[in-house]
Amino acid sequence: MTYEEKKYKEALMWSRSLEKRSGVIQRTSKGLQSAINQKIPDRVHAVVTESIKRMIELSLTSSQYIHPVEHNEKWSFEEREELIKERLKQYKSTASWEGAGTGAGGFWLGVADFPMLLSIKMKFLFDTAQFYGVDINRYEERVYLLHIFMLTFSSDKEKVKVRDVLLNWENEPLERKKVDWKTLQLEYRDTIDLVKLMQLVPGVGAIVGYVANGRFLEQLGETTMNIYRLRLISHT
């Protein structure tokens, strides 16, 4: 079995696993999140919402997240993925220490972690696409990256919907490819709120920030690589 065949098989298993329900803790945390959210100042919610909206707008209309990476057309698929794994380690370390620093810095510095972490995640997405040989100057490919982001940080029901769009990307109508930024930001917030709010708690914020940010990058890396495996290997 070749490397590509092995990874394609793993990606298929990962895709099917998205149809399983999350654990009990994840399913029951929604009510707790809602209760906590009601006690969080409106200014905090505004920062988070504006950060996500700005991220989407910049991703689609500017080159802020596009930092050219070394790219060789002769690289094998395995070589590309080794480079992506190395880049993921770098971004994971950056995100972890950034989370620890903001988590130890008090409430409002903790709030500042939201836009900084978003920026790290988007830079990783754009770098990864380039390593796979994707032309991220194309608007449609940027929209594709935002769908990967949404797939990573969404509820069970939404994950399956977004996954199906991504797996049938070339044949999907334009209307289905449009990004609903409101849905994206709500799903993202519902997915990370409970953990990130813990980061604002004095005394444990630094530890929570370090662990949580690293884990979020791992999730994004896993999702991104598996989606591109299903898209690229299936066409070879």
Protein backbone atom coordinates (compact mmCIF):
# COMPACT_ATOMS: atom_id res chain seq x y z
CA MET A 1 0.00 0.00 0.00
CA THR A 2 1.43 3.38 -1.02
CA TYR A 3 1.58 6.40 1.27
CA GLU A 4 -1.27 8.02 -0.64
CA GLU A 5 -3.46 4.93 -0.41
CA LYS A 6 -2.82 4.63 3.32
CA LYS A 7 -3.63 8.28 4.01
CA TYR A 8 -6.71 8.23 1.80
CA LYS A 9 -8.01 5.24 3.74
CA GLU A 10 -7.34 7.03 7.04
CA ALA A 11 -9.12 10.12 5.73
CA LEU A 12 -12.19 8.09 4.80
CA MET A 13 -12.33 6.68 8.34
CA TRP A 14 -11.97 10.19 9.76
CA SER A 15 -14.79 11.45 7.51
CA ARG A 16 -17.13 8.71 8.69
CA SER A 17 -16.26 9.44 12.32
CA LEU A 18 -17.79 12.92 11.92
CA GLU A 19 -21.20 11.29 11.78
CA LYS A 20 -20.85 9.99 15.33
CA ARG A 21 -22.21 12.04 18.21
CA SER A 22 -19.81 13.94 20.43
CA GLY A 23 -19.19 12.84 24.00
CA VAL A 24 -21.65 13.52 26.81
CA ILE A 25 -19.58 16.39 28.18
CA GLN A 26 -19.51 18.16 24.83
CA ARG A 27 -23.22 17.65 24.27
CA THR A 28 -24.22 18.95 27.69
CA SER A 29 -21.86 21.91 27.79
CA LYS A 30 -24.15 24.07 25.64
CA GLY A 31 -26.42 24.97 28.57
CA LEU A 32 -23.44 25.84 30.74
CA GLN A 33 -21.96 27.97 27.96
CA SER A 34 -25.22 29.88 27.61
CA ALA A 35 -25.37 30.55 31.35
CA ILE A 36 -21.77 31.77 31.38
CA ASN A 37 -22.26 33.89 28.27
CA GLN A 38 -25.07 35.80 29.96
CA LYS A 39 -22.62 36.93 32.64
CA ILE A 40 -19.91 38.02 30.22
CA PRO A 41 -19.85 41.77 29.44
CA ASP A 42 -21.29 42.79 26.09
CA ARG A 43 -17.95 44.35 25.25
CA VAL A 44 -16.32 40.92 25.34
CA HIS A 45 -18.93 39.44 23.02
CA ALA A 46 -18.46 42.39 20.69
CA VAL A 47 -14.70 41.80 20.52
CA VAL A 48 -15.18 38.15 19.62
CA THR A 49 -17.86 38.79 17.01
CA GLU A 50 -15.92 41.61 15.35
CA SER A 51 -12.74 39.53 15.33
CA ILE A 52 -14.42 36.68 13.48
CA LYS A 53 -16.16 39.00 11.03
CA ARG A 54 -12.91 40.81 10.29
CA MET A 55 -11.08 37.50 9.84
CA ILE A 56 -13.59 36.37 7.23
CA GLU A 57 -13.49 39.65 5.34
CA LEU A 58 -9.67 39.73 5.29
CA SER A 59 -9.48 36.08 4.23
CA LEU A 60 -11.67 36.72 1.22
CA THR A 61 -10.54 40.15 0.11
CA SER A 62 -6.91 40.74 1.13
CA SER A 63 -3.50 39.09 1.11
CA GLN A 64 -2.86 39.52 4.84
CA TYR A 65 -2.68 35.79 5.47
CA ILE A 66 -0.80 34.93 2.28
CA HIS A 67 2.88 34.50 3.04
CA PRO A 68 4.52 32.64 0.14
CA VAL A 69 6.08 29.33 1.17
CA GLU A 70 8.76 27.41 -0.65
CA HIS A 71 7.02 25.19 -3.15
CA ASN A 72 8.38 22.57 -5.49
CA GLU A 73 6.11 20.89 -8.02
CA LYS A 74 8.29 17.78 -7.85
CA TRP A 75 7.58 17.17 -4.17
CA SER A 76 5.78 13.91 -3.47
CA PHE A 77 2.54 13.95 -1.51
CA GLU A 78 4.38 12.53 1.50
CA GLU A 79 7.05 15.24 1.34
CA ARG A 80 4.35 17.91 1.24
CA GLU A 81 2.70 16.46 4.32
CA GLU A 82 5.97 16.27 6.23
CA LEU A 83 6.42 20.00 5.63
CA ILE A 84 2.86 20.66 6.74
CA LYS A 85 3.43 18.71 9.96
CA GLU A 86 6.53 20.76 10.69
CA ARG A 87 4.63 23.98 10.06
CA LEU A 88 1.84 22.76 12.33
CA LYS A 89 4.33 22.20 15.17
CA GLN A 90 5.54 25.77 14.76
CA TYR A 91 2.06 27.28 14.82
CA LYS A 92 0.99 25.03 17.68
CA SER A 93 3.93 26.21 19.78
CA THR A 94 3.20 29.85 18.95
CA ALA A 95 -0.48 29.47 19.78
CA SER A 96 0.23 27.62 23.04
CA TRP A 97 2.65 30.19 24.41
CA GLU A 98 0.43 33.04 23.22
CA GLY A 99 -2.45 31.42 25.11
CA ALA A 100 -0.35 31.02 28.22
CA GLY A 101 0.77 34.65 28.10
CA THR A 102 -2.67 36.12 27.61
CA GLY A 103 -4.17 33.70 30.11
CA ALA A 104 -1.78 34.91 32.78
CA GLY A 105 -2.34 38.56 31.97
CA GLY A 106 -5.78 39.11 33.41
CA PHE A 107 -9.27 39.43 32.02
CA TRP A 108 -8.87 41.90 29.18
CA LEU A 109 -5.56 40.49 28.00
CA GLY A 110 -7.29 37.13 27.95
CA VAL A 111 -9.99 38.59 25.74
CA ALA A 112 -7.26 39.72 23.34
CA ASP A 113 -6.39 36.07 22.76
CA PHE A 114 -9.46 35.58 20.54
CA PRO A 115 -8.27 37.66 17.56
CA MET A 116 -4.64 36.57 17.95
CA LEU A 117 -5.55 32.89 17.92
CA LEU A 118 -7.80 33.42 14.91
CA SER A 119 -4.91 34.97 13.02
CA ILE A 120 -2.63 32.02 13.80
CA LYS A 121 -5.26 29.55 12.62
CA MET A 122 -5.82 31.38 9.36
CA LYS A 123 -2.09 31.64 8.64
CA PHE A 124 -1.78 27.89 9.14
CA LEU A 125 -4.67 27.24 6.74
CA PHE A 126 -3.16 29.42 4.02
CA ASP A 127 0.31 27.90 4.45
CA THR A 128 -1.05 24.37 4.31
CA ALA A 129 -2.98 25.01 1.11
CA GLN A 130 0.19 26.32 -0.52
CA PHE A 131 2.18 23.24 0.51
CA TYR A 132 -0.49 21.12 -1.17
CA GLY A 133 -0.01 23.16 -4.33
CA VAL A 134 -3.33 25.02 -4.17
CA ASP A 135 -3.59 28.49 -5.71
CA ILE A 136 -4.85 30.53 -2.76
CA ASN A 137 -4.99 33.68 -4.86
CA ARG A 138 -8.21 32.28 -6.27
CA TYR A 139 -11.27 33.53 -4.38
CA GLU A 140 -12.93 30.12 -4.49
CA GLU A 141 -9.94 28.50 -2.77
CA ARG A 142 -10.12 31.04 0.03
CA VAL A 143 -13.78 30.25 0.52
CA TYR A 144 -12.77 26.58 0.62
CA LEU A 145 -10.37 27.33 3.49
CA LEU A 146 -13.11 29.07 5.44
CA HIS A 147 -15.28 25.99 5.05
CA ILE A 148 -12.44 23.90 6.49
CA PHE A 149 -12.28 26.31 9.40
CA MET A 150 -16.02 25.97 9.92
CA LEU A 151 -15.84 22.18 9.69
CA THR A 152 -13.22 22.11 12.44
CA PHE A 153 -15.11 24.32 14.86
CA SER A 154 -18.77 23.40 14.47
CA SER A 155 -21.47 21.33 16.15
CA ASP A 156 -22.10 17.72 15.12
CA LYS A 157 -25.01 18.61 12.84
CA GLU A 158 -23.18 21.44 11.11
CA LYS A 159 -20.00 19.38 10.67
CA VAL A 160 -21.76 16.83 8.48
CA LYS A 161 -23.35 19.55 6.33
CA VAL A 162 -20.05 21.38 5.80
CA ARG A 163 -18.16 18.12 5.19
CA ASP A 164 -20.58 17.15 2.43
CA VAL A 165 -20.10 20.51 0.72
CA LEU A 166 -16.32 20.15 0.85
CA LEU A 167 -16.34 16.57 -0.44
CA ASN A 168 -18.47 17.61 -3.42
CA TRP A 169 -16.83 21.01 -3.87
CA GLU A 170 -16.34 20.98 -7.64
CA ASN A 171 -19.97 20.07 -8.25
CA GLU A 172 -21.59 22.24 -5.60
CA PRO A 173 -23.68 25.21 -6.81
CA LEU A 174 -22.33 28.65 -6.00
CA GLU A 175 -25.12 29.26 -3.51
CA ARG A 176 -24.00 26.29 -1.39
CA LYS A 177 -20.41 27.55 -1.36
CA LYS A 178 -21.21 30.93 0.10
CA VAL A 179 -20.00 31.53 3.65
CA ASP A 180 -22.60 32.58 6.18
CA TRP A 181 -20.36 34.51 8.55
CA LYS A 182 -23.05 34.71 11.21
CA THR A 183 -23.42 30.93 11.32
CA LEU A 184 -19.66 30.53 11.23
CA GLN A 185 -19.04 32.82 14.17
CA LEU A 186 -21.87 31.30 16.24
CA GLU A 187 -20.64 27.76 15.61
CA TYR A 188 -17.06 28.77 16.35
CA ARG A 189 -17.98 30.51 19.56
CA ASP A 190 -20.19 27.66 20.75
CA THR A 191 -17.34 25.23 20.09
CA ILE A 192 -14.57 27.08 21.92
CA ASP A 193 -16.39 29.39 24.39
CA LEU A 194 -16.39 27.13 27.43
CA VAL A 195 -12.67 26.42 27.21
CA LYS A 196 -11.67 29.96 26.31
CA LEU A 197 -13.78 31.48 29.06
CA MET A 198 -11.90 29.28 31.52
CA GLN A 199 -8.78 31.03 30.27
CA LEU A 200 -10.07 34.26 31.81
CA VAL A 201 -10.15 32.73 35.30
CA PRO A 202 -7.30 34.05 37.50
CA GLY A 203 -4.82 31.42 38.58
CA VAL A 204 -5.58 28.79 35.95
CA GLY A 205 -5.85 30.96 32.84
CA ALA A 206 -2.25 30.46 31.75
CA ILE A 207 -2.44 26.67 31.94
CA VAL A 208 -5.82 26.53 30.21
CA GLY A 209 -4.61 28.92 27.51
CA TYR A 210 -1.49 26.89 26.78
CA VAL A 211 -3.27 23.53 26.56
CA ALA A 212 -6.40 24.77 24.80
CA ASN A 213 -4.66 26.74 22.07
CA GLY A 214 -2.39 23.83 21.27
CA ARG A 215 -5.33 21.49 21.06
CA PHE A 216 -7.26 23.85 18.77
CA LEU A 217 -4.33 23.87 16.34
CA GLU A 218 -4.15 20.07 16.44
CA GLN A 219 -7.84 19.86 15.54
CA LEU A 220 -7.40 22.31 12.69
CA GLY A 221 -4.37 20.41 11.40
CA GLU A 222 -6.18 17.07 11.47
CA THR A 223 -9.23 18.45 9.68
CA THR A 224 -7.26 20.33 7.04
CA MET A 225 -5.00 17.44 6.12
CA ASN A 226 -7.80 14.89 5.93
CA ILE A 227 -10.02 17.11 3.78
CA TYR A 228 -7.20 17.81 1.33
CA ARG A 229 -6.32 14.11 1.23
CA LEU A 230 -9.88 13.29 0.21
CA ARG A 231 -9.90 16.07 -2.34
CA LEU A 232 -6.46 15.63 -3.90
CA ILE A 233 -5.72 11.93 -3.68
CA SER A 234 -9.14 10.91 -4.98
CA HIS A 235 -8.40 12.85 -8.18
CA THR A 236 -5.04 11.23 -8.87
